[in-house]
Amino acid sequence: MPPSPPFTLETLATIVAERAESGDSGSYTAALTQKGAAHCARKLGEEAVEAAIAGAIGDRDGLRAEAADVLYHLLVLLNVCGVSLESVQEELQRRTQQTGLQEKAGRGTT
């Protein structure tokens, strides 16, 4: 049996989009999507805090699991808000054309 292709964020984004549109009552993604952007944003925030705590206490296994949750919930929020993963990747590419400090200065944030 040939090896399966690597799992990518693009793969997950496609799965999220398909399940969000499915209306399947057994789909967690569909249920989140139906609750709207504010709910999805809160879930992302909760997962981000859990990931930060796991990292701060050195819980590598916990951080790995929470990072997966963060990425999933971010993709759900992006989907609900109509922002493509591709556009986020384009923004990241644009930002890497200069140093992080130059990019940050250009945004006028500290």
PDB file of N, CA and C in Angstrom:
ATOM      1  N   MET A   1       0.844  -1.172   0.000  1.00  0.00           N
ATOM      2  CA  MET A   1       0.000   0.000   0.000  1.00  0.00           C
ATOM      3  C   MET A   1       0.899   1.247   0.000  1.00  0.00           C
ATOM      4  N   PRO A   2       0.662   2.173  -0.932  1.00  0.00           N
ATOM      5  CA  PRO A   2       1.510   3.367  -0.990  1.00  0.00           C
ATOM      6  C   PRO A   2       1.273   4.260   0.224  1.00  0.00           C
ATOM      7  N   PRO A   3       2.304   5.004   0.608  1.00  0.00           N
ATOM      8  CA  PRO A   3       2.139   5.897   1.771  1.00  0.00           C
ATOM      9  C   PRO A   3       1.102   6.980   1.458  1.00  0.00           C
ATOM     10  N   SER A   4       0.381   7.370   2.476  1.00  0.00           N
ATOM     11  CA  SER A   4      -0.612   8.429   2.277  1.00  0.00           C
ATOM     12  C   SER A   4       0.101   9.775   2.169  1.00  0.00           C
ATOM     13  N   PRO A   5      -0.504  10.695   1.438  1.00  0.00           N
ATOM     14  CA  PRO A   5       0.127  12.011   1.303  1.00  0.00           C
ATOM     15  C   PRO A   5       0.173  12.715   2.662  1.00  0.00           C
ATOM     16  N   PRO A   6       1.099  13.643   2.825  1.00  0.00           N
ATOM     17  CA  PRO A   6       1.194  14.345   4.113  1.00  0.00           C
ATOM     18  C   PRO A   6      -0.074  15.160   4.382  1.00  0.00           C
ATOM     19  N   PHE A   7      -0.436  15.218   5.638  1.00  0.00           N
ATOM     20  CA  PHE A   7      -1.593  16.018   6.040  1.00  0.00           C
ATOM     21  C   PHE A   7      -1.143  17.466   6.136  1.00  0.00           C
ATOM     22  N   THR A   8      -1.862  18.361   5.469  1.00  0.00           N
ATOM     23  CA  THR A   8      -1.463  19.765   5.429  1.00  0.00           C
ATOM     24  C   THR A   8      -2.575  20.655   5.966  1.00  0.00           C
ATOM     25  N   LEU A   9      -2.249  21.903   6.209  1.00  0.00           N
ATOM     26  CA  LEU A   9      -3.277  22.872   6.593  1.00  0.00           C
ATOM     27  C   LEU A   9      -4.280  23.056   5.462  1.00  0.00           C
ATOM     28  N   GLU A  10      -3.829  22.946   4.224  1.00  0.00           N
ATOM     29  CA  GLU A  10      -4.734  23.033   3.086  1.00  0.00           C
ATOM     30  C   GLU A  10      -5.756  21.898   3.122  1.00  0.00           C
ATOM     31  N   THR A  11      -5.284  20.700   3.475  1.00  0.00           N
ATOM     32  CA  THR A  11      -6.185  19.548   3.610  1.00  0.00           C
ATOM     33  C   THR A  11      -7.228  19.831   4.688  1.00  0.00           C
ATOM     34  N   LEU A  12      -6.772  20.315   5.835  1.00  0.00           N
ATOM     35  CA  LEU A  12      -7.692  20.611   6.933  1.00  0.00           C
ATOM     36  C   LEU A  12      -8.665  21.720   6.547  1.00  0.00           C
ATOM     37  N   ALA A  13      -8.196  22.745   5.860  1.00  0.00           N
ATOM     38  CA  ALA A  13      -9.079  23.839   5.424  1.00  0.00           C
ATOM     39  C   ALA A  13     -10.169  23.313   4.496  1.00  0.00           C
ATOM     40  N   THR A  14      -9.822  22.388   3.624  1.00  0.00           N
ATOM     41  CA  THR A  14     -10.810  21.784   2.720  1.00  0.00           C
ATOM     42  C   THR A  14     -11.838  20.978   3.505  1.00  0.00           C
ATOM     43  N   ILE A  15     -11.372  20.198   4.463  1.00  0.00           N
ATOM     44  CA  ILE A  15     -12.280  19.412   5.300  1.00  0.00           C
ATOM     45  C   ILE A  15     -13.221  20.330   6.075  1.00  0.00           C
ATOM     46  N   VAL A  16     -12.671  21.395   6.664  1.00  0.00           N
ATOM     47  CA  VAL A  16     -13.482  22.355   7.419  1.00  0.00           C
ATOM     48  C   VAL A  16     -14.556  22.954   6.518  1.00  0.00           C
ATOM     49  N   ALA A  17     -14.165  23.396   5.328  1.00  0.00           N
ATOM     50  CA  ALA A  17     -15.127  24.015   4.410  1.00  0.00           C
ATOM     51  C   ALA A  17     -16.235  23.039   4.025  1.00  0.00           C
ATOM     52  N   GLU A  18     -15.865  21.808   3.737  1.00  0.00           N
ATOM     53  CA  GLU A  18     -16.860  20.801   3.355  1.00  0.00           C
ATOM     54  C   GLU A  18     -17.820  20.505   4.493  1.00  0.00           C
ATOM     55  N   ARG A  19     -17.286  20.333   5.690  1.00  0.00           N
ATOM     56  CA  ARG A  19     -18.143  20.006   6.831  1.00  0.00           C
ATOM     57  C   ARG A  19     -18.985  21.203   7.269  1.00  0.00           C
ATOM     58  N   ALA A  20     -18.449  22.396   7.118  1.00  0.00           N
ATOM     59  CA  ALA A  20     -19.219  23.594   7.475  1.00  0.00           C
ATOM     60  C   ALA A  20     -20.460  23.719   6.619  1.00  0.00           C
ATOM     61  N   GLU A  21     -20.347  23.330   5.360  1.00  0.00           N
ATOM     62  CA  GLU A  21     -21.460  23.417   4.416  1.00  0.00           C
ATOM     63  C   GLU A  21     -22.387  22.209   4.467  1.00  0.00           C
ATOM     64  N   SER A  22     -21.962  21.153   5.144  1.00  0.00           N
ATOM     65  CA  SER A  22     -22.698  19.894   5.097  1.00  0.00           C
ATOM     66  C   SER A  22     -24.051  19.948   5.794  1.00  0.00           C
ATOM     67  N   GLY A  23     -24.168  20.754   6.841  1.00  0.00           N
ATOM     68  CA  GLY A  23     -25.397  20.762   7.620  1.00  0.00           C
ATOM     69  C   GLY A  23     -25.593  19.488   8.422  1.00  0.00           C
ATOM     70  N   ASP A  24     -24.591  18.651   8.463  1.00  0.00           N
ATOM     71  CA  ASP A  24     -24.647  17.374   9.180  1.00  0.00           C
ATOM     72  C   ASP A  24     -24.784  17.628  10.677  1.00  0.00           C
ATOM     73  N   SER A  25     -25.857  17.119  11.256  1.00  0.00           N
ATOM     74  CA  SER A  25     -26.104  17.336  12.687  1.00  0.00           C
ATOM     75  C   SER A  25     -25.066  16.649  13.561  1.00  0.00           C
ATOM     76  N   GLY A  26     -24.321  15.701  13.014  1.00  0.00           N
ATOM     77  CA  GLY A  26     -23.274  15.027  13.765  1.00  0.00           C
ATOM     78  C   GLY A  26     -21.903  15.662  13.597  1.00  0.00           C
ATOM     79  N   SER A  27     -21.834  16.764  12.863  1.00  0.00           N
ATOM     80  CA  SER A  27     -20.549  17.413  12.589  1.00  0.00           C
ATOM     81  C   SER A  27     -20.308  18.562  13.563  1.00  0.00           C
ATOM     82  N   TYR A  28     -19.212  18.460  14.311  1.00  0.00           N
ATOM     83  CA  TYR A  28     -18.825  19.543  15.219  1.00  0.00           C
ATOM     84  C   TYR A  28     -18.540  20.817  14.432  1.00  0.00           C
ATOM     85  N   THR A  29     -17.905  20.683  13.290  1.00  0.00           N
ATOM     86  CA  THR A  29     -17.601  21.847  12.457  1.00  0.00           C
ATOM     87  C   THR A  29     -18.876  22.547  12.008  1.00  0.00           C
ATOM     88  N   ALA A  30     -19.865  21.773  11.556  1.00  0.00           N
ATOM     89  CA  ALA A  30     -21.135  22.362  11.130  1.00  0.00           C
ATOM     90  C   ALA A  30     -21.818  23.057  12.302  1.00  0.00           C
ATOM     91  N   ALA A  31     -21.774  22.441  13.480  1.00  0.00           N
ATOM     92  CA  ALA A  31     -22.395  23.044  14.662  1.00  0.00           C
ATOM     93  C   ALA A  31     -21.714  24.355  15.033  1.00  0.00           C
ATOM     94  N   LEU A  32     -20.388  24.382  15.009  1.00  0.00           N
ATOM     95  CA  LEU A  32     -19.660  25.621  15.310  1.00  0.00           C
ATOM     96  C   LEU A  32     -20.025  26.713  14.310  1.00  0.00           C
ATOM     97  N   THR A  33     -20.005  26.355  13.048  1.00  0.00           N
ATOM     98  CA  THR A  33     -20.279  27.304  11.977  1.00  0.00           C
ATOM     99  C   THR A  33     -21.664  27.923  12.136  1.00  0.00           C
ATOM    100  N   GLN A  34     -22.634  27.111  12.484  1.00  0.00           N
ATOM    101  CA  GLN A  34     -24.002  27.600  12.643  1.00  0.00           C
ATOM    102  C   GLN A  34     -24.130  28.585  13.795  1.00  0.00           C
ATOM    103  N   LYS A  35     -23.221  28.536  14.752  1.00  0.00           N
ATOM    104  CA  LYS A  35     -23.274  29.446  15.901  1.00  0.00           C
ATOM    105  C   LYS A  35     -22.672  30.810  15.588  1.00  0.00           C
ATOM    106  N   GLY A  36     -21.993  30.939  14.452  1.00  0.00           N
ATOM    107  CA  GLY A  36     -21.508  32.233  13.997  1.00  0.00           C
ATOM    108  C   GLY A  36     -20.093  32.584  14.411  1.00  0.00           C
ATOM    109  N   ALA A  37     -19.646  33.714  13.869  1.00  0.00           N
ATOM    110  CA  ALA A  37     -18.255  34.147  14.033  1.00  0.00           C
ATOM    111  C   ALA A  37     -17.888  34.437  15.490  1.00  0.00           C
ATOM    112  N   ALA A  38     -18.765  35.073  16.233  1.00  0.00           N
ATOM    113  CA  ALA A  38     -18.432  35.429  17.621  1.00  0.00           C
ATOM    114  C   ALA A  38     -18.170  34.168  18.445  1.00  0.00           C
ATOM    115  N   HIS A  39     -19.003  33.167  18.278  1.00  0.00           N
ATOM    116  CA  HIS A  39     -18.807  31.913  19.010  1.00  0.00           C
ATOM    117  C   HIS A  39     -17.497  31.248  18.588  1.00  0.00           C
ATOM    118  N   CYS A  40     -17.259  31.201  17.285  1.00  0.00           N
ATOM    119  CA  CYS A  40     -16.018  30.597  16.772  1.00  0.00           C
ATOM    120  C   CYS A  40     -14.791  31.346  17.276  1.00  0.00           C
ATOM    121  N   ALA A  41     -14.875  32.650  17.360  1.00  0.00           N
ATOM    122  CA  ALA A  41     -13.758  33.458  17.865  1.00  0.00           C
ATOM    123  C   ALA A  41     -13.488  33.150  19.339  1.00  0.00           C
ATOM    124  N   ARG A  42     -14.543  33.003  20.121  1.00  0.00           N
ATOM    125  CA  ARG A  42     -14.363  32.659  21.542  1.00  0.00           C
ATOM    126  C   ARG A  42     -13.694  31.290  21.684  1.00  0.00           C
ATOM    127  N   LYS A  43     -14.125  30.323  20.869  1.00  0.00           N
ATOM    128  CA  LYS A  43     -13.513  28.994  20.932  1.00  0.00           C
ATOM    129  C   LYS A  43     -12.029  29.058  20.570  1.00  0.00           C
ATOM    130  N   LEU A  44     -11.690  29.838  19.556  1.00  0.00           N
ATOM    131  CA  LEU A  44     -10.288  30.002  19.181  1.00  0.00           C
ATOM    132  C   LEU A  44      -9.504  30.606  20.341  1.00  0.00           C
ATOM    133  N   GLY A  45     -10.062  31.608  20.970  1.00  0.00           N
ATOM    134  CA  GLY A  45      -9.393  32.244  22.105  1.00  0.00           C
ATOM    135  C   GLY A  45      -9.152  31.273  23.249  1.00  0.00           C
ATOM    136  N   GLU A  46     -10.153  30.465  23.553  1.00  0.00           N
ATOM    137  CA  GLU A  46     -10.002  29.475  24.620  1.00  0.00           C
ATOM    138  C   GLU A  46      -8.869  28.503  24.306  1.00  0.00           C
ATOM    139  N   GLU A  47      -8.843  28.024  23.083  1.00  0.00           N
ATOM    140  CA  GLU A  47      -7.803  27.070  22.696  1.00  0.00           C
ATOM    141  C   GLU A  47      -6.421  27.715  22.702  1.00  0.00           C
ATOM    142  N   ALA A  48      -6.344  28.982  22.293  1.00  0.00           N
ATOM    143  CA  ALA A  48      -5.056  29.688  22.292  1.00  0.00           C
ATOM    144  C   ALA A  48      -4.521  29.839  23.714  1.00  0.00           C
ATOM    145  N   VAL A  49      -5.404  30.155  24.642  1.00  0.00           N
ATOM    146  CA  VAL A  49      -4.983  30.278  26.048  1.00  0.00           C
ATOM    147  C   VAL A  49      -4.492  28.928  26.562  1.00  0.00           C
ATOM    148  N   GLU A  50      -5.216  27.867  26.251  1.00  0.00           N
ATOM    149  CA  GLU A  50      -4.795  26.535  26.686  1.00  0.00           C
ATOM    150  C   GLU A  50      -3.438  26.164  26.094  1.00  0.00           C
ATOM    151  N   ALA A  51      -3.203  26.524  24.849  1.00  0.00           N
ATOM    152  CA  ALA A  51      -1.906  26.253  24.220  1.00  0.00           C
ATOM    153  C   ALA A  51      -0.802  27.062  24.905  1.00  0.00           C
ATOM    154  N   ALA A  52      -1.083  28.319  25.190  1.00  0.00           N
ATOM    155  CA  ALA A  52      -0.088  29.167  25.850  1.00  0.00           C
ATOM    156  C   ALA A  52       0.271  28.616  27.230  1.00  0.00           C
ATOM    157  N   ILE A  53      -0.721  28.165  27.958  1.00  0.00           N
ATOM    158  CA  ILE A  53      -0.462  27.606  29.288  1.00  0.00           C
ATOM    159  C   ILE A  53       0.373  26.334  29.174  1.00  0.00           C
ATOM    160  N   ALA A  54       0.012  25.463  28.253  1.00  0.00           N
ATOM    161  CA  ALA A  54       0.785  24.230  28.065  1.00  0.00           C
ATOM    162  C   ALA A  54       2.235  24.555  27.724  1.00  0.00           C
ATOM    163  N   GLY A  55       2.440  25.547  26.865  1.00  0.00           N
ATOM    164  CA  GLY A  55       3.808  25.944  26.524  1.00  0.00           C
ATOM    165  C   GLY A  55       4.551  26.525  27.707  1.00  0.00           C
ATOM    166  N   ALA A  56       3.867  27.352  28.476  1.00  0.00           N
ATOM    167  CA  ALA A  56       4.507  28.016  29.617  1.00  0.00           C
ATOM    168  C   ALA A  56       4.944  27.025  30.688  1.00  0.00           C
ATOM    169  N   ILE A  57       4.198  25.946  30.845  1.00  0.00           N
ATOM    170  CA  ILE A  57       4.559  24.968  31.882  1.00  0.00           C
ATOM    171  C   ILE A  57       5.406  23.825  31.335  1.00  0.00           C
ATOM    172  N   GLY A  58       5.735  23.900  30.045  1.00  0.00           N
ATOM    173  CA  GLY A  58       6.609  22.892  29.450  1.00  0.00           C
ATOM    174  C   GLY A  58       5.930  21.571  29.147  1.00  0.00           C
ATOM    175  N   ASP A  59       4.619  21.583  28.977  1.00  0.00           N
ATOM    176  CA  ASP A  59       3.867  20.377  28.667  1.00  0.00           C
ATOM    177  C   ASP A  59       3.858  20.174  27.152  1.00  0.00           C
ATOM    178  N   ARG A  60       4.853  19.469  26.652  1.00  0.00           N
ATOM    179  CA  ARG A  60       5.010  19.293  25.209  1.00  0.00           C
ATOM    180  C   ARG A  60       3.837  18.548  24.575  1.00  0.00           C
ATOM    181  N   ASP A  61       3.375  17.488  25.219  1.00  0.00           N
ATOM    182  CA  ASP A  61       2.239  16.743  24.673  1.00  0.00           C
ATOM    183  C   ASP A  61       0.981  17.600  24.680  1.00  0.00           C
ATOM    184  N   GLY A  62       0.774  18.320  25.773  1.00  0.00           N
ATOM    185  CA  GLY A  62      -0.375  19.217  25.860  1.00  0.00           C
ATOM    186  C   GLY A  62      -0.299  20.320  24.824  1.00  0.00           C
ATOM    187  N   LEU A  63       0.886  20.866  24.634  1.00  0.00           N
ATOM    188  CA  LEU A  63       1.060  21.928  23.640  1.00  0.00           C
ATOM    189  C   LEU A  63       0.765  21.411  22.241  1.00  0.00           C
ATOM    190  N   ARG A  64       1.238  20.219  21.926  1.00  0.00           N
ATOM    191  CA  ARG A  64       0.975  19.638  20.611  1.00  0.00           C
ATOM    192  C   ARG A  64      -0.530  19.493  20.385  1.00  0.00           C
ATOM    193  N   ALA A  65      -1.234  18.958  21.373  1.00  0.00           N
ATOM    194  CA  ALA A  65      -2.684  18.766  21.249  1.00  0.00           C
ATOM    195  C   ALA A  65      -3.415  20.103  21.155  1.00  0.00           C
ATOM    196  N   GLU A  66      -3.028  21.048  21.984  1.00  0.00           N
ATOM    197  CA  GLU A  66      -3.694  22.352  21.971  1.00  0.00           C
ATOM    198  C   GLU A  66      -3.368  23.133  20.699  1.00  0.00           C
ATOM    199  N   ALA A  67      -2.148  22.971  20.180  1.00  0.00           N
ATOM    200  CA  ALA A  67      -1.795  23.630  18.921  1.00  0.00           C
ATOM    201  C   ALA A  67      -2.673  23.110  17.790  1.00  0.00           C
ATOM    202  N   ALA A  68      -2.950  21.807  17.794  1.00  0.00           N
ATOM    203  CA  ALA A  68      -3.850  21.244  16.785  1.00  0.00           C
ATOM    204  C   ALA A  68      -5.238  21.864  16.922  1.00  0.00           C
ATOM    205  N   ASP A  69      -5.701  22.027  18.161  1.00  0.00           N
ATOM    206  CA  ASP A  69      -7.003  22.666  18.390  1.00  0.00           C
ATOM    207  C   ASP A  69      -7.001  24.114  17.904  1.00  0.00           C
ATOM    208  N   VAL A  70      -5.921  24.840  18.165  1.00  0.00           N
ATOM    209  CA  VAL A  70      -5.822  26.235  17.720  1.00  0.00           C
ATOM    210  C   VAL A  70      -5.904  26.313  16.201  1.00  0.00           C
ATOM    211  N   LEU A  71      -5.139  25.483  15.517  1.00  0.00           N
ATOM    212  CA  LEU A  71      -5.149  25.516  14.055  1.00  0.00           C
ATOM    213  C   LEU A  71      -6.529  25.175  13.508  1.00  0.00           C
ATOM    214  N   TYR A  72      -7.162  24.160  14.071  1.00  0.00           N
ATOM    215  CA  TYR A  72      -8.507  23.781  13.630  1.00  0.00           C
ATOM    216  C   TYR A  72      -9.487  24.939  13.850  1.00  0.00           C
ATOM    217  N   HIS A  73      -9.514  25.497  15.047  1.00  0.00           N
ATOM    218  CA  HIS A  73     -10.472  26.560  15.350  1.00  0.00           C
ATOM    219  C   HIS A  73     -10.171  27.831  14.554  1.00  0.00           C
ATOM    220  N   LEU A  74      -8.900  28.089  14.262  1.00  0.00           N
ATOM    221  CA  LEU A  74      -8.563  29.224  13.405  1.00  0.00           C
ATOM    222  C   LEU A  74      -9.136  29.011  12.006  1.00  0.00           C
ATOM    223  N   LEU A  75      -8.996  27.815  11.473  1.00  0.00           N
ATOM    224  CA  LEU A  75      -9.528  27.537  10.137  1.00  0.00           C
ATOM    225  C   LEU A  75     -11.052  27.618  10.114  1.00  0.00           C
ATOM    226  N   VAL A  76     -11.701  27.201  11.196  1.00  0.00           N
ATOM    227  CA  VAL A  76     -13.157  27.343  11.281  1.00  0.00           C
ATOM    228  C   VAL A  76     -13.528  28.822  11.265  1.00  0.00           C
ATOM    229  N   LEU A  77     -12.852  29.634  12.061  1.00  0.00           N
ATOM    230  CA  LEU A  77     -13.148  31.069  12.107  1.00  0.00           C
ATOM    231  C   LEU A  77     -12.881  31.729  10.757  1.00  0.00           C
ATOM    232  N   LEU A  78     -11.758  31.405  10.141  1.00  0.00           N
ATOM    233  CA  LEU A  78     -11.471  31.951   8.817  1.00  0.00           C
ATOM    234  C   LEU A  78     -12.581  31.602   7.839  1.00  0.00           C
ATOM    235  N   ASN A  79     -13.039  30.360   7.866  1.00  0.00           N
ATOM    236  CA  ASN A  79     -14.103  29.922   6.970  1.00  0.00           C
ATOM    237  C   ASN A  79     -15.390  30.694   7.223  1.00  0.00           C
ATOM    238  N   VAL A  80     -15.766  30.831   8.474  1.00  0.00           N
ATOM    239  CA  VAL A  80     -17.004  31.547   8.825  1.00  0.00           C
ATOM    240  C   VAL A  80     -16.931  33.003   8.372  1.00  0.00           C
ATOM    241  N   CYS A  81     -15.751  33.578   8.454  1.00  0.00           N
ATOM    242  CA  CYS A  81     -15.570  34.986   8.095  1.00  0.00           C
ATOM    243  C   CYS A  81     -15.258  35.195   6.618  1.00  0.00           C
ATOM    244  N   GLY A  82     -15.157  34.123   5.856  1.00  0.00           N
ATOM    245  CA  GLY A  82     -14.894  34.241   4.431  1.00  0.00           C
ATOM    246  C   GLY A  82     -13.477  34.649   4.088  1.00  0.00           C
ATOM    247  N   VAL A  83     -12.532  34.274   4.941  1.00  0.00           N
ATOM    248  CA  VAL A  83     -11.114  34.572   4.707  1.00  0.00           C
ATOM    249  C   VAL A  83     -10.429  33.252   4.366  1.00  0.00           C
ATOM    250  N   SER A  84      -9.801  33.186   3.209  1.00  0.00           N
ATOM    251  CA  SER A  84      -9.179  31.930   2.786  1.00  0.00           C
ATOM    252  C   SER A  84      -7.813  31.726   3.438  1.00  0.00           C
ATOM    253  N   LEU A  85      -7.469  30.458   3.619  1.00  0.00           N
ATOM    254  CA  LEU A  85      -6.130  30.125   4.096  1.00  0.00           C
ATOM    255  C   LEU A  85      -5.095  30.654   3.114  1.00  0.00           C
ATOM    256  N   GLU A  86      -5.396  30.584   1.831  1.00  0.00           N
ATOM    257  CA  GLU A  86      -4.473  31.083   0.809  1.00  0.00           C
ATOM    258  C   GLU A  86      -4.162  32.564   1.021  1.00  0.00           C
ATOM    259  N   SER A  87      -5.174  33.359   1.369  1.00  0.00           N
ATOM    260  CA  SER A  87      -4.924  34.791   1.581  1.00  0.00           C
ATOM    261  C   SER A  87      -4.066  35.028   2.820  1.00  0.00           C
ATOM    262  N   VAL A  88      -4.215  34.181   3.833  1.00  0.00           N
ATOM    263  CA  VAL A  88      -3.366  34.291   5.025  1.00  0.00           C
ATOM    264  C   VAL A  88      -1.930  33.926   4.658  1.00  0.00           C
ATOM    265  N   GLN A  89      -1.767  32.878   3.852  1.00  0.00           N
ATOM    266  CA  GLN A  89      -0.432  32.484   3.419  1.00  0.00           C
ATOM    267  C   GLN A  89       0.218  33.577   2.569  1.00  0.00           C
ATOM    268  N   GLU A  90      -0.570  34.241   1.746  1.00  0.00           N
ATOM    269  CA  GLU A  90      -0.044  35.353   0.954  1.00  0.00           C
ATOM    270  C   GLU A  90       0.420  36.491   1.861  1.00  0.00           C
ATOM    271  N   GLU A  91      -0.343  36.753   2.906  1.00  0.00           N
ATOM    272  CA  GLU A  91       0.056  37.797   3.867  1.00  0.00           C
ATOM    273  C   GLU A  91       1.347  37.419   4.572  1.00  0.00           C
ATOM    274  N   LEU A  92       1.468  36.163   4.955  1.00  0.00           N
ATOM    275  CA  LEU A  92       2.705  35.712   5.588  1.00  0.00           C
ATOM    276  C   LEU A  92       3.885  35.824   4.631  1.00  0.00           C
ATOM    277  N   GLN A  93       3.669  35.476   3.384  1.00  0.00           N
ATOM    278  CA  GLN A  93       4.737  35.596   2.398  1.00  0.00           C
ATOM    279  C   GLN A  93       5.152  37.053   2.230  1.00  0.00           C
ATOM    280  N   ARG A  94       4.167  37.944   2.169  1.00  0.00           N
ATOM    281  CA  ARG A  94       4.470  39.366   2.038  1.00  0.00           C
ATOM    282  C   ARG A  94       5.312  39.838   3.222  1.00  0.00           C
ATOM    283  N   ARG A  95       4.952  39.386   4.407  1.00  0.00           N
ATOM    284  CA  ARG A  95       5.663  39.811   5.610  1.00  0.00           C
ATOM    285  C   ARG A  95       7.085  39.279   5.671  1.00  0.00           C
ATOM    286  N   THR A  96       7.343  38.141   5.067  1.00  0.00           N
ATOM    287  CA  THR A  96       8.685  37.578   5.136  1.00  0.00           C
ATOM    288  C   THR A  96       9.646  38.228   4.147  1.00  0.00           C
ATOM    289  N   GLN A  97       9.151  39.172   3.368  1.00  0.00           N
ATOM    290  CA  GLN A  97      10.017  39.890   2.434  1.00  0.00           C
ATOM    291  C   GLN A  97      10.851  40.951   3.138  1.00  0.00           C
ATOM    292  N   GLN A  98      10.605  41.137   4.431  1.00  0.00           N
ATOM    293  CA  GLN A  98      11.377  42.087   5.235  1.00  0.00           C
ATOM    294  C   GLN A  98      11.593  41.461   6.609  1.00  0.00           C
ATOM    295  N   THR A  99      12.423  42.084   7.421  1.00  0.00           N
ATOM    296  CA  THR A  99      12.630  41.540   8.758  1.00  0.00           C
ATOM    297  C   THR A  99      11.366  41.736   9.580  1.00  0.00           C
ATOM    298  N   GLY A 100      11.236  40.945  10.622  1.00  0.00           N
ATOM    299  CA  GLY A 100      10.085  41.063  11.510  1.00  0.00           C
ATOM    300  C   GLY A 100       9.978  42.436  12.132  1.00  0.00           C
ATOM    301  N   LEU A 101      11.108  43.028  12.488  1.00  0.00           N
ATOM    302  CA  LEU A 101      11.081  44.357  13.098  1.00  0.00           C
ATOM    303  C   LEU A 101      10.649  45.416  12.089  1.00  0.00           C
ATOM    304  N   GLN A 102      11.084  45.283  10.848  1.00  0.00           N
ATOM    305  CA  GLN A 102      10.648  46.228   9.806  1.00  0.00           C
ATOM    306  C   GLN A 102       9.148  46.098   9.555  1.00  0.00           C
ATOM    307  N   GLU A 103       8.680  44.867   9.481  1.00  0.00           N
ATOM    308  CA  GLU A 103       7.256  44.645   9.232  1.00  0.00           C
ATOM    309  C   GLU A 103       6.418  45.214  10.362  1.00  0.00           C
ATOM    310  N   LYS A 104       6.846  44.959  11.592  1.00  0.00           N
ATOM    311  CA  LYS A 104       6.104  45.447  12.755  1.00  0.00           C
ATOM    312  C   LYS A 104       6.091  46.964  12.787  1.00  0.00           C
ATOM    313  N   ALA A 105       7.210  47.594  12.470  1.00  0.00           N
ATOM    314  CA  ALA A 105       7.274  49.063  12.438  1.00  0.00           C
ATOM    315  C   ALA A 105       6.341  49.622  11.393  1.00  0.00           C
ATOM    316  N   GLY A 106       6.195  48.928  10.279  1.00  0.00           N
ATOM    317  CA  GLY A 106       5.306  49.354   9.219  1.00  0.00           C
ATOM    318  C   GLY A 106       3.840  49.318   9.606  1.00  0.00           C
ATOM    319  N   ARG A 107       3.501  48.494  10.577  1.00  0.00           N
ATOM    320  CA  ARG A 107       2.113  48.413  11.064  1.00  0.00           C
ATOM    321  C   ARG A 107       1.826  49.478  12.103  1.00  0.00           C
ATOM    322  N   GLY A 108       2.873  50.123  12.636  1.00  0.00           N
ATOM    323  CA  GLY A 108       2.662  51.167  13.632  1.00  0.00           C
ATOM    324  C   GLY A 108       2.256  50.620  14.988  1.00  0.00           C
ATOM    325  N   THR A 109       2.589  49.323  15.264  1.00  0.00           N
ATOM    326  CA  THR A 109       2.263  48.720  16.562  1.00  0.00           C
ATOM    327  C   THR A 109       3.525  48.469  17.337  1.00  0.00           C
ATOM    328  N   THR A 110       3.375  48.284  18.624  1.00  0.00           N
ATOM    329  CA  THR A 110       4.543  48.011  19.463  1.00  0.00           C
ATOM    330  C   THR A 110       4.576  46.585  19.914  1.00  0.00           C
TER     331      THR A 110
END
